[in-house]
Amino acid sequence: MLGEEFESEDEFDEEYEDDEDYEDEDDFPEEDFPEEVERALMQQQESRFTSFLEDPWPKTAFILILIGFVIILPWPEAIWFTWLYHIIALYLLSILGVVAIVYSLKAWITTSTRIRFIGMTFIIISFVCIVVGFIDTIAWAITGYSFIPALQTPLVVLLVVVEVFLIYTLWIMRSQFMAPKED
Protein backbone atom coordinates (compact mmCIF):
# COMPACT_ATOMS: atom_id res chain seq x y z
CA MET A 1 0.00 0.00 0.00
CA LEU A 2 2.89 2.35 0.58
CA GLY A 3 3.99 2.07 -2.98
CA GLU A 4 6.17 -0.31 -4.91
CA GLU A 5 9.36 1.57 -4.01
CA PHE A 6 9.13 0.91 -0.29
CA GLU A 7 8.83 -2.56 1.07
CA SER A 8 8.15 -1.62 4.67
CA GLU A 9 6.83 1.29 6.63
CA ASP A 10 10.25 1.83 8.22
CA GLU A 11 11.90 2.43 4.85
CA PHE A 12 9.15 4.93 4.01
CA ASP A 13 9.69 6.83 7.29
CA GLU A 14 13.47 6.81 6.94
CA GLU A 15 13.28 8.11 3.38
CA TYR A 16 11.16 11.12 4.30
CA GLU A 17 12.75 11.89 7.66
CA ASP A 18 16.02 12.64 5.93
CA ASP A 19 14.44 14.89 3.28
CA GLU A 20 12.86 17.50 5.52
CA ASP A 21 12.90 20.53 3.26
CA TYR A 22 10.55 22.61 5.32
CA GLU A 23 11.22 24.87 8.25
CA ASP A 24 9.27 24.90 11.47
CA GLU A 25 7.35 27.98 12.40
CA ASP A 26 9.72 28.37 15.34
CA ASP A 27 12.66 28.83 12.96
CA PHE A 28 11.29 32.14 11.66
CA PRO A 29 12.22 35.21 13.65
CA GLU A 30 9.36 37.14 15.15
CA GLU A 31 9.18 40.54 13.54
CA ASP A 32 7.43 43.42 15.17
CA PHE A 33 5.23 45.53 12.99
CA PRO A 34 6.61 48.98 12.42
CA GLU A 35 4.77 51.70 14.27
CA GLU A 36 3.45 53.11 11.01
CA VAL A 37 1.72 49.83 10.16
CA GLU A 38 0.20 49.58 13.64
CA ARG A 39 -0.98 53.18 13.39
CA ALA A 40 -2.48 52.53 9.95
CA LEU A 41 -4.33 49.46 11.24
CA MET A 42 -5.71 51.41 14.20
CA GLN A 43 -6.85 54.24 11.89
CA GLN A 44 -8.55 51.73 9.61
CA GLN A 45 -10.44 50.24 12.57
CA GLU A 46 -11.34 53.71 13.82
CA SER A 47 -12.53 54.77 10.37
CA ARG A 48 -14.78 51.71 10.12
CA PHE A 49 -16.21 52.47 13.53
CA THR A 50 -16.71 56.16 12.84
CA SER A 51 -18.30 55.37 9.48
CA PHE A 52 -20.67 53.03 11.32
CA LEU A 53 -21.52 55.75 13.83
CA GLU A 54 -22.17 58.27 11.07
CA ASP A 55 -24.86 56.08 9.51
CA PRO A 56 -25.53 52.97 11.63
CA TRP A 57 -29.04 52.25 10.40
CA PRO A 58 -28.42 50.12 7.25
CA LYS A 59 -26.22 47.67 9.15
CA THR A 60 -28.51 47.81 12.17
CA ALA A 61 -31.55 47.06 9.99
CA PHE A 62 -29.78 44.04 8.49
CA ILE A 63 -28.94 42.74 11.97
CA LEU A 64 -32.55 43.27 13.07
CA ILE A 65 -33.83 41.30 10.07
CA LEU A 66 -31.58 38.39 11.03
CA ILE A 67 -32.73 38.61 14.65
CA GLY A 68 -36.33 38.60 13.41
CA PHE A 69 -35.76 35.38 11.50
CA VAL A 70 -34.17 33.78 14.55
CA ILE A 71 -37.07 34.84 16.78
CA ILE A 72 -40.02 34.14 14.49
CA LEU A 73 -39.15 31.06 12.43
CA PRO A 74 -38.19 28.26 14.85
CA TRP A 75 -41.48 28.04 16.80
CA PRO A 76 -43.77 25.05 16.24
CA GLU A 77 -47.31 25.89 15.19
CA ALA A 78 -48.92 25.06 18.54
CA ILE A 79 -46.54 27.32 20.46
CA TRP A 80 -46.74 30.05 17.82
CA PHE A 81 -50.52 30.35 18.01
CA THR A 82 -50.55 30.19 21.81
CA TRP A 83 -47.76 32.71 22.43
CA LEU A 84 -48.06 34.83 19.28
CA TYR A 85 -48.24 38.22 20.98
CA HIS A 86 -45.42 37.46 23.38
CA ILE A 87 -43.14 36.33 20.54
CA ILE A 88 -43.92 39.50 18.60
CA ALA A 89 -43.30 41.53 21.78
CA LEU A 90 -39.93 39.76 22.05
CA TYR A 91 -39.10 40.92 18.52
CA LEU A 92 -40.19 44.45 19.42
CA LEU A 93 -37.98 44.23 22.51
CA SER A 94 -35.07 43.17 20.31
CA ILE A 95 -35.64 46.08 17.93
CA LEU A 96 -35.83 48.61 20.74
CA GLY A 97 -32.83 47.03 22.50
CA VAL A 98 -30.60 47.20 19.44
CA VAL A 99 -31.68 50.80 18.75
CA ALA A 100 -30.94 51.69 22.39
CA ILE A 101 -27.52 50.05 22.10
CA VAL A 102 -26.73 52.06 18.94
CA TYR A 103 -27.83 55.34 20.54
CA SER A 104 -25.87 54.47 23.70
CA LEU A 105 -22.80 53.66 21.64
CA LYS A 106 -23.07 57.01 19.88
CA ALA A 107 -23.39 58.73 23.27
CA TRP A 108 -20.40 56.80 24.63
CA ILE A 109 -18.13 57.58 21.69
CA THR A 110 -19.14 61.07 20.58
CA THR A 111 -19.39 63.00 23.87
CA SER A 112 -16.62 64.28 26.09
CA THR A 113 -18.41 65.00 29.37
CA ARG A 114 -18.96 62.61 32.25
CA ILE A 115 -22.47 62.03 30.99
CA ARG A 116 -20.92 59.76 28.37
CA PHE A 117 -20.72 57.01 31.00
CA ILE A 118 -24.50 56.82 30.87
CA GLY A 119 -24.05 55.46 27.35
CA MET A 120 -22.04 52.49 28.61
CA THR A 121 -24.51 51.94 31.46
CA PHE A 122 -27.42 51.94 29.03
CA ILE A 123 -25.62 49.45 26.77
CA ILE A 124 -25.35 47.06 29.70
CA ILE A 125 -28.97 47.62 30.79
CA SER A 126 -30.25 47.15 27.26
CA PHE A 127 -28.25 43.95 26.75
CA VAL A 128 -29.53 42.55 30.07
CA CYS A 129 -33.13 43.41 29.11
CA ILE A 130 -32.78 41.58 25.79
CA VAL A 131 -31.26 38.48 27.40
CA VAL A 132 -33.85 38.35 30.20
CA GLY A 133 -36.64 38.87 27.64
CA PHE A 134 -35.39 35.95 25.55
CA ILE A 135 -35.02 33.65 28.54
CA ASP A 136 -38.41 34.57 29.99
CA THR A 137 -40.30 34.26 26.69
CA ILE A 138 -38.73 30.90 25.91
CA ALA A 139 -39.51 29.67 29.43
CA TRP A 140 -43.16 30.77 29.12
CA ALA A 141 -43.53 29.23 25.66
CA ILE A 142 -42.01 25.88 26.63
CA THR A 143 -43.15 25.38 30.23
CA GLY A 144 -45.98 27.84 30.73
CA TYR A 145 -44.15 29.45 33.65
CA SER A 146 -41.56 32.15 34.05
CA PHE A 147 -37.97 31.32 34.89
CA ILE A 148 -38.55 33.45 38.01
CA PRO A 149 -40.97 31.33 40.07
CA ALA A 150 -42.83 34.21 41.75
CA LEU A 151 -43.92 35.87 38.49
CA GLN A 152 -47.39 35.24 37.15
CA THR A 153 -47.05 37.26 33.93
CA PRO A 154 -44.36 37.44 31.24
CA LEU A 155 -41.65 40.06 31.67
CA VAL A 156 -41.40 40.96 28.01
CA VAL A 157 -43.94 43.81 28.15
CA LEU A 158 -42.20 45.41 31.14
CA LEU A 159 -38.84 45.09 29.38
CA VAL A 160 -40.25 46.77 26.26
CA VAL A 161 -41.31 49.71 28.44
CA VAL A 162 -37.80 49.84 29.99
CA GLU A 163 -36.24 49.95 26.50
CA VAL A 164 -38.61 52.74 25.44
CA PHE A 165 -37.59 54.78 28.48
CA LEU A 166 -33.90 54.10 27.76
CA ILE A 167 -34.26 55.42 24.22
CA TYR A 168 -36.28 58.41 25.37
CA THR A 169 -33.75 59.24 28.10
CA LEU A 170 -30.86 58.97 25.63
CA TRP A 171 -32.65 61.18 23.15
CA ILE A 172 -33.32 63.86 25.79
CA MET A 173 -29.76 63.69 27.15
CA ARG A 174 -28.18 63.87 23.70
CA SER A 175 -30.27 66.83 22.68
CA GLN A 176 -29.96 68.79 25.95
CA PHE A 177 -26.85 67.87 27.91
CA MET A 178 -24.24 66.17 25.76
CA ALA A 179 -21.71 68.31 23.98
CA PRO A 180 -19.91 66.72 21.03
CA LYS A 181 -16.29 65.67 21.52
CA GLU A 182 -13.70 68.15 20.41
CA ASP A 183 -10.80 66.61 18.52
C-alpha atoms as a PDB file:
ATOM      1  CA  MET A   1       0.000   0.000   0.000  1.00  0.00           C
ATOM      2  CA  LEU A   2       2.888   2.353   0.575  1.00  0.00           C
ATOM      3  CA  GLY A   3       3.987   2.073  -2.983  1.00  0.00           C
ATOM      4  CA  GLU A   4       6.169  -0.311  -4.910  1.00  0.00           C
ATOM      5  CA  GLU A   5       9.363   1.572  -4.014  1.00  0.00           C
ATOM      6  CA  PHE A   6       9.133   0.912  -0.288  1.00  0.00           C
ATOM      7  CA  GLU A   7       8.828  -2.561   1.075  1.00  0.00           C
ATOM      8  CA  SER A   8       8.155  -1.620   4.670  1.00  0.00           C
ATOM      9  CA  GLU A   9       6.833   1.287   6.630  1.00  0.00           C
ATOM     10  CA  ASP A  10      10.254   1.829   8.217  1.00  0.00           C
ATOM     11  CA  GLU A  11      11.895   2.428   4.845  1.00  0.00           C
ATOM     12  CA  PHE A  12       9.149   4.932   4.005  1.00  0.00           C
ATOM     13  CA  ASP A  13       9.686   6.829   7.286  1.00  0.00           C
ATOM     14  CA  GLU A  14      13.469   6.809   6.943  1.00  0.00           C
ATOM     15  CA  GLU A  15      13.282   8.109   3.375  1.00  0.00           C
ATOM     16  CA  TYR A  16      11.160  11.116   4.299  1.00  0.00           C
ATOM     17  CA  GLU A  17      12.751  11.885   7.660  1.00  0.00           C
ATOM     18  CA  ASP A  18      16.019  12.644   5.928  1.00  0.00           C
ATOM     19  CA  ASP A  19      14.440  14.893   3.283  1.00  0.00           C
ATOM     20  CA  GLU A  20      12.860  17.503   5.517  1.00  0.00           C
ATOM     21  CA  ASP A  21      12.904  20.526   3.257  1.00  0.00           C
ATOM     22  CA  TYR A  22      10.551  22.612   5.321  1.00  0.00           C
ATOM     23  CA  GLU A  23      11.225  24.873   8.255  1.00  0.00           C
ATOM     24  CA  ASP A  24       9.268  24.904  11.469  1.00  0.00           C
ATOM     25  CA  GLU A  25       7.348  27.981  12.405  1.00  0.00           C
ATOM     26  CA  ASP A  26       9.720  28.366  15.339  1.00  0.00           C
ATOM     27  CA  ASP A  27      12.656  28.828  12.962  1.00  0.00           C
ATOM     28  CA  PHE A  28      11.295  32.136  11.656  1.00  0.00           C
ATOM     29  CA  PRO A  29      12.222  35.211  13.650  1.00  0.00           C
ATOM     30  CA  GLU A  30       9.357  37.141  15.147  1.00  0.00           C
ATOM     31  CA  GLU A  31       9.181  40.538  13.545  1.00  0.00           C
ATOM     32  CA  ASP A  32       7.427  43.418  15.167  1.00  0.00           C
ATOM     33  CA  PHE A  33       5.228  45.533  12.994  1.00  0.00           C
ATOM     34  CA  PRO A  34       6.613  48.982  12.421  1.00  0.00           C
ATOM     35  CA  GLU A  35       4.771  51.697  14.272  1.00  0.00           C
ATOM     36  CA  GLU A  36       3.451  53.106  11.014  1.00  0.00           C
ATOM     37  CA  VAL A  37       1.722  49.828  10.165  1.00  0.00           C
ATOM     38  CA  GLU A  38       0.198  49.581  13.636  1.00  0.00           C
ATOM     39  CA  ARG A  39      -0.980  53.178  13.393  1.00  0.00           C
ATOM     40  CA  ALA A  40      -2.480  52.531   9.950  1.00  0.00           C
ATOM     41  CA  LEU A  41      -4.332  49.460  11.242  1.00  0.00           C
ATOM     42  CA  MET A  42      -5.715  51.406  14.195  1.00  0.00           C
ATOM     43  CA  GLN A  43      -6.848  54.242  11.894  1.00  0.00           C
ATOM     44  CA  GLN A  44      -8.551  51.728   9.614  1.00  0.00           C
ATOM     45  CA  GLN A  45     -10.440  50.242  12.569  1.00  0.00           C
ATOM     46  CA  GLU A  46     -11.342  53.709  13.819  1.00  0.00           C
ATOM     47  CA  SER A  47     -12.528  54.774  10.372  1.00  0.00           C
ATOM     48  CA  ARG A  48     -14.775  51.709  10.122  1.00  0.00           C
ATOM     49  CA  PHE A  49     -16.213  52.472  13.531  1.00  0.00           C
ATOM     50  CA  THR A  50     -16.711  56.158  12.839  1.00  0.00           C
ATOM     51  CA  SER A  51     -18.303  55.368   9.481  1.00  0.00           C
ATOM     52  CA  PHE A  52     -20.667  53.028  11.318  1.00  0.00           C
ATOM     53  CA  LEU A  53     -21.516  55.747  13.835  1.00  0.00           C
ATOM     54  CA  GLU A  54     -22.169  58.275  11.070  1.00  0.00           C
ATOM     55  CA  ASP A  55     -24.857  56.081   9.505  1.00  0.00           C
ATOM     56  CA  PRO A  56     -25.535  52.974  11.633  1.00  0.00           C
ATOM     57  CA  TRP A  57     -29.045  52.248  10.399  1.00  0.00           C
ATOM     58  CA  PRO A  58     -28.425  50.122   7.253  1.00  0.00           C
ATOM     59  CA  LYS A  59     -26.216  47.668   9.149  1.00  0.00           C
ATOM     60  CA  THR A  60     -28.510  47.808  12.167  1.00  0.00           C
ATOM     61  CA  ALA A  61     -31.550  47.056   9.991  1.00  0.00           C
ATOM     62  CA  PHE A  62     -29.776  44.044   8.490  1.00  0.00           C
ATOM     63  CA  ILE A  63     -28.942  42.741  11.975  1.00  0.00           C
ATOM     64  CA  LEU A  64     -32.550  43.268  13.070  1.00  0.00           C
ATOM     65  CA  ILE A  65     -33.829  41.300  10.071  1.00  0.00           C
ATOM     66  CA  LEU A  66     -31.579  38.386  11.028  1.00  0.00           C
ATOM     67  CA  ILE A  67     -32.728  38.608  14.651  1.00  0.00           C
ATOM     68  CA  GLY A  68     -36.328  38.600  13.411  1.00  0.00           C
ATOM     69  CA  PHE A  69     -35.761  35.380  11.497  1.00  0.00           C
ATOM     70  CA  VAL A  70     -34.173  33.781  14.554  1.00  0.00           C
ATOM     71  CA  ILE A  71     -37.070  34.840  16.778  1.00  0.00           C
ATOM     72  CA  ILE A  72     -40.023  34.144  14.489  1.00  0.00           C
ATOM     73  CA  LEU A  73     -39.148  31.058  12.425  1.00  0.00           C
ATOM     74  CA  PRO A  74     -38.195  28.260  14.854  1.00  0.00           C
ATOM     75  CA  TRP A  75     -41.479  28.038  16.797  1.00  0.00           C
ATOM     76  CA  PRO A  76     -43.774  25.050  16.238  1.00  0.00           C
ATOM     77  CA  GLU A  77     -47.307  25.889  15.185  1.00  0.00           C
ATOM     78  CA  ALA A  78     -48.917  25.063  18.544  1.00  0.00           C
ATOM     79  CA  ILE A  79     -46.536  27.323  20.461  1.00  0.00           C
ATOM     80  CA  TRP A  80     -46.737  30.052  17.818  1.00  0.00           C
ATOM     81  CA  PHE A  81     -50.522  30.346  18.007  1.00  0.00           C
ATOM     82  CA  THR A  82     -50.554  30.192  21.812  1.00  0.00           C
ATOM     83  CA  TRP A  83     -47.758  32.711  22.435  1.00  0.00           C
ATOM     84  CA  LEU A  84     -48.058  34.833  19.282  1.00  0.00           C
ATOM     85  CA  TYR A  85     -48.244  38.218  20.983  1.00  0.00           C
ATOM     86  CA  HIS A  86     -45.419  37.460  23.379  1.00  0.00           C
ATOM     87  CA  ILE A  87     -43.143  36.327  20.543  1.00  0.00           C
ATOM     88  CA  ILE A  88     -43.924  39.502  18.599  1.00  0.00           C
ATOM     89  CA  ALA A  89     -43.296  41.531  21.780  1.00  0.00           C
ATOM     90  CA  LEU A  90     -39.935  39.764  22.050  1.00  0.00           C
ATOM     91  CA  TYR A  91     -39.100  40.920  18.520  1.00  0.00           C
ATOM     92  CA  LEU A  92     -40.190  44.453  19.418  1.00  0.00           C
ATOM     93  CA  LEU A  93     -37.978  44.233  22.515  1.00  0.00           C
ATOM     94  CA  SER A  94     -35.068  43.167  20.310  1.00  0.00           C
ATOM     95  CA  ILE A  95     -35.639  46.078  17.927  1.00  0.00           C
ATOM     96  CA  LEU A  96     -35.829  48.608  20.744  1.00  0.00           C
ATOM     97  CA  GLY A  97     -32.833  47.030  22.501  1.00  0.00           C
ATOM     98  CA  VAL A  98     -30.601  47.202  19.438  1.00  0.00           C
ATOM     99  CA  VAL A  99     -31.683  50.795  18.754  1.00  0.00           C
ATOM    100  CA  ALA A 100     -30.937  51.690  22.393  1.00  0.00           C
ATOM    101  CA  ILE A 101     -27.520  50.048  22.100  1.00  0.00           C
ATOM    102  CA  VAL A 102     -26.735  52.056  18.936  1.00  0.00           C
ATOM    103  CA  TYR A 103     -27.832  55.342  20.539  1.00  0.00           C
ATOM    104  CA  SER A 104     -25.870  54.472  23.698  1.00  0.00           C
ATOM    105  CA  LEU A 105     -22.797  53.658  21.638  1.00  0.00           C
ATOM    106  CA  LYS A 106     -23.071  57.009  19.885  1.00  0.00           C
ATOM    107  CA  ALA A 107     -23.390  58.729  23.271  1.00  0.00           C
ATOM    108  CA  TRP A 108     -20.404  56.804  24.627  1.00  0.00           C
ATOM    109  CA  ILE A 109     -18.135  57.583  21.688  1.00  0.00           C
ATOM    110  CA  THR A 110     -19.145  61.072  20.583  1.00  0.00           C
ATOM    111  CA  THR A 111     -19.390  63.000  23.866  1.00  0.00           C
ATOM    112  CA  SER A 112     -16.619  64.279  26.086  1.00  0.00           C
ATOM    113  CA  THR A 113     -18.410  64.999  29.368  1.00  0.00           C
ATOM    114  CA  ARG A 114     -18.963  62.611  32.245  1.00  0.00           C
ATOM    115  CA  ILE A 115     -22.473  62.035  30.994  1.00  0.00           C
ATOM    116  CA  ARG A 116     -20.916  59.756  28.372  1.00  0.00           C
ATOM    117  CA  PHE A 117     -20.719  57.008  31.003  1.00  0.00           C
ATOM    118  CA  ILE A 118     -24.502  56.823  30.867  1.00  0.00           C
ATOM    119  CA  GLY A 119     -24.050  55.455  27.354  1.00  0.00           C
ATOM    120  CA  MET A 120     -22.038  52.486  28.609  1.00  0.00           C
ATOM    121  CA  THR A 121     -24.505  51.939  31.464  1.00  0.00           C
ATOM    122  CA  PHE A 122     -27.424  51.938  29.035  1.00  0.00           C
ATOM    123  CA  ILE A 123     -25.620  49.455  26.772  1.00  0.00           C
ATOM    124  CA  ILE A 124     -25.350  47.056  29.702  1.00  0.00           C
ATOM    125  CA  ILE A 125     -28.965  47.619  30.788  1.00  0.00           C
ATOM    126  CA  SER A 126     -30.251  47.154  27.259  1.00  0.00           C
ATOM    127  CA  PHE A 127     -28.254  43.952  26.753  1.00  0.00           C
ATOM    128  CA  VAL A 128     -29.534  42.554  30.075  1.00  0.00           C
ATOM    129  CA  CYS A 129     -33.133  43.415  29.108  1.00  0.00           C
ATOM    130  CA  ILE A 130     -32.784  41.585  25.794  1.00  0.00           C
ATOM    131  CA  VAL A 131     -31.264  38.484  27.396  1.00  0.00           C
ATOM    132  CA  VAL A 132     -33.852  38.353  30.199  1.00  0.00           C
ATOM    133  CA  GLY A 133     -36.638  38.871  27.643  1.00  0.00           C
ATOM    134  CA  PHE A 134     -35.387  35.948  25.546  1.00  0.00           C
ATOM    135  CA  ILE A 135     -35.024  33.648  28.542  1.00  0.00           C
ATOM    136  CA  ASP A 136     -38.412  34.573  29.988  1.00  0.00           C
ATOM    137  CA  THR A 137     -40.305  34.259  26.689  1.00  0.00           C
ATOM    138  CA  ILE A 138     -38.733  30.898  25.908  1.00  0.00           C
ATOM    139  CA  ALA A 139     -39.507  29.674  29.433  1.00  0.00           C
ATOM    140  CA  TRP A 140     -43.159  30.770  29.122  1.00  0.00           C
ATOM    141  CA  ALA A 141     -43.531  29.226  25.661  1.00  0.00           C
ATOM    142  CA  ILE A 142     -42.014  25.882  26.634  1.00  0.00           C
ATOM    143  CA  THR A 143     -43.148  25.384  30.234  1.00  0.00           C
ATOM    144  CA  GLY A 144     -45.984  27.844  30.727  1.00  0.00           C
ATOM    145  CA  TYR A 145     -44.147  29.452  33.651  1.00  0.00           C
ATOM    146  CA  SER A 146     -41.565  32.148  34.053  1.00  0.00           C
ATOM    147  CA  PHE A 147     -37.973  31.317  34.890  1.00  0.00           C
ATOM    148  CA  ILE A 148     -38.546  33.449  38.009  1.00  0.00           C
ATOM    149  CA  PRO A 149     -40.973  31.334  40.067  1.00  0.00           C
ATOM    150  CA  ALA A 150     -42.828  34.210  41.749  1.00  0.00           C
ATOM    151  CA  LEU A 151     -43.920  35.870  38.486  1.00  0.00           C
ATOM    152  CA  GLN A 152     -47.394  35.236  37.154  1.00  0.00           C
ATOM    153  CA  THR A 153     -47.050  37.260  33.934  1.00  0.00           C
ATOM    154  CA  PRO A 154     -44.356  37.437  31.243  1.00  0.00           C
ATOM    155  CA  LEU A 155     -41.645  40.063  31.672  1.00  0.00           C
ATOM    156  CA  VAL A 156     -41.404  40.958  28.005  1.00  0.00           C
ATOM    157  CA  VAL A 157     -43.939  43.813  28.155  1.00  0.00           C
ATOM    158  CA  LEU A 158     -42.196  45.410  31.143  1.00  0.00           C
ATOM    159  CA  LEU A 159     -38.836  45.086  29.381  1.00  0.00           C
ATOM    160  CA  VAL A 160     -40.247  46.770  26.256  1.00  0.00           C
ATOM    161  CA  VAL A 161     -41.307  49.710  28.440  1.00  0.00           C
ATOM    162  CA  VAL A 162     -37.801  49.835  29.993  1.00  0.00           C
ATOM    163  CA  GLU A 163     -36.244  49.949  26.502  1.00  0.00           C
ATOM    164  CA  VAL A 164     -38.615  52.744  25.436  1.00  0.00           C
ATOM    165  CA  PHE A 165     -37.593  54.777  28.482  1.00  0.00           C
ATOM    166  CA  LEU A 166     -33.896  54.102  27.760  1.00  0.00           C
ATOM    167  CA  ILE A 167     -34.262  55.421  24.218  1.00  0.00           C
ATOM    168  CA  TYR A 168     -36.280  58.408  25.366  1.00  0.00           C
ATOM    169  CA  THR A 169     -33.750  59.243  28.099  1.00  0.00           C
ATOM    170  CA  LEU A 170     -30.863  58.974  25.628  1.00  0.00           C
ATOM    171  CA  TRP A 171     -32.652  61.185  23.149  1.00  0.00           C
ATOM    172  CA  ILE A 172     -33.318  63.865  25.785  1.00  0.00           C
ATOM    173  CA  MET A 173     -29.758  63.691  27.150  1.00  0.00           C
ATOM    174  CA  ARG A 174     -28.175  63.869  23.697  1.00  0.00           C
ATOM    175  CA  SER A 175     -30.271  66.835  22.683  1.00  0.00           C
ATOM    176  CA  GLN A 176     -29.965  68.791  25.953  1.00  0.00           C
ATOM    177  CA  PHE A 177     -26.848  67.873  27.906  1.00  0.00           C
ATOM    178  CA  MET A 178     -24.237  66.165  25.759  1.00  0.00           C
ATOM    179  CA  ALA A 179     -21.715  68.313  23.983  1.00  0.00           C
ATOM    180  CA  PRO A 180     -19.908  66.719  21.025  1.00  0.00           C
ATOM    181  CA  LYS A 181     -16.287  65.671  21.517  1.00  0.00           C
ATOM    182  CA  GLU A 182     -13.702  68.154  20.406  1.00  0.00           C
ATOM    183  CA  ASP A 183     -10.799  66.614  18.522  1.00  0.00           C
END
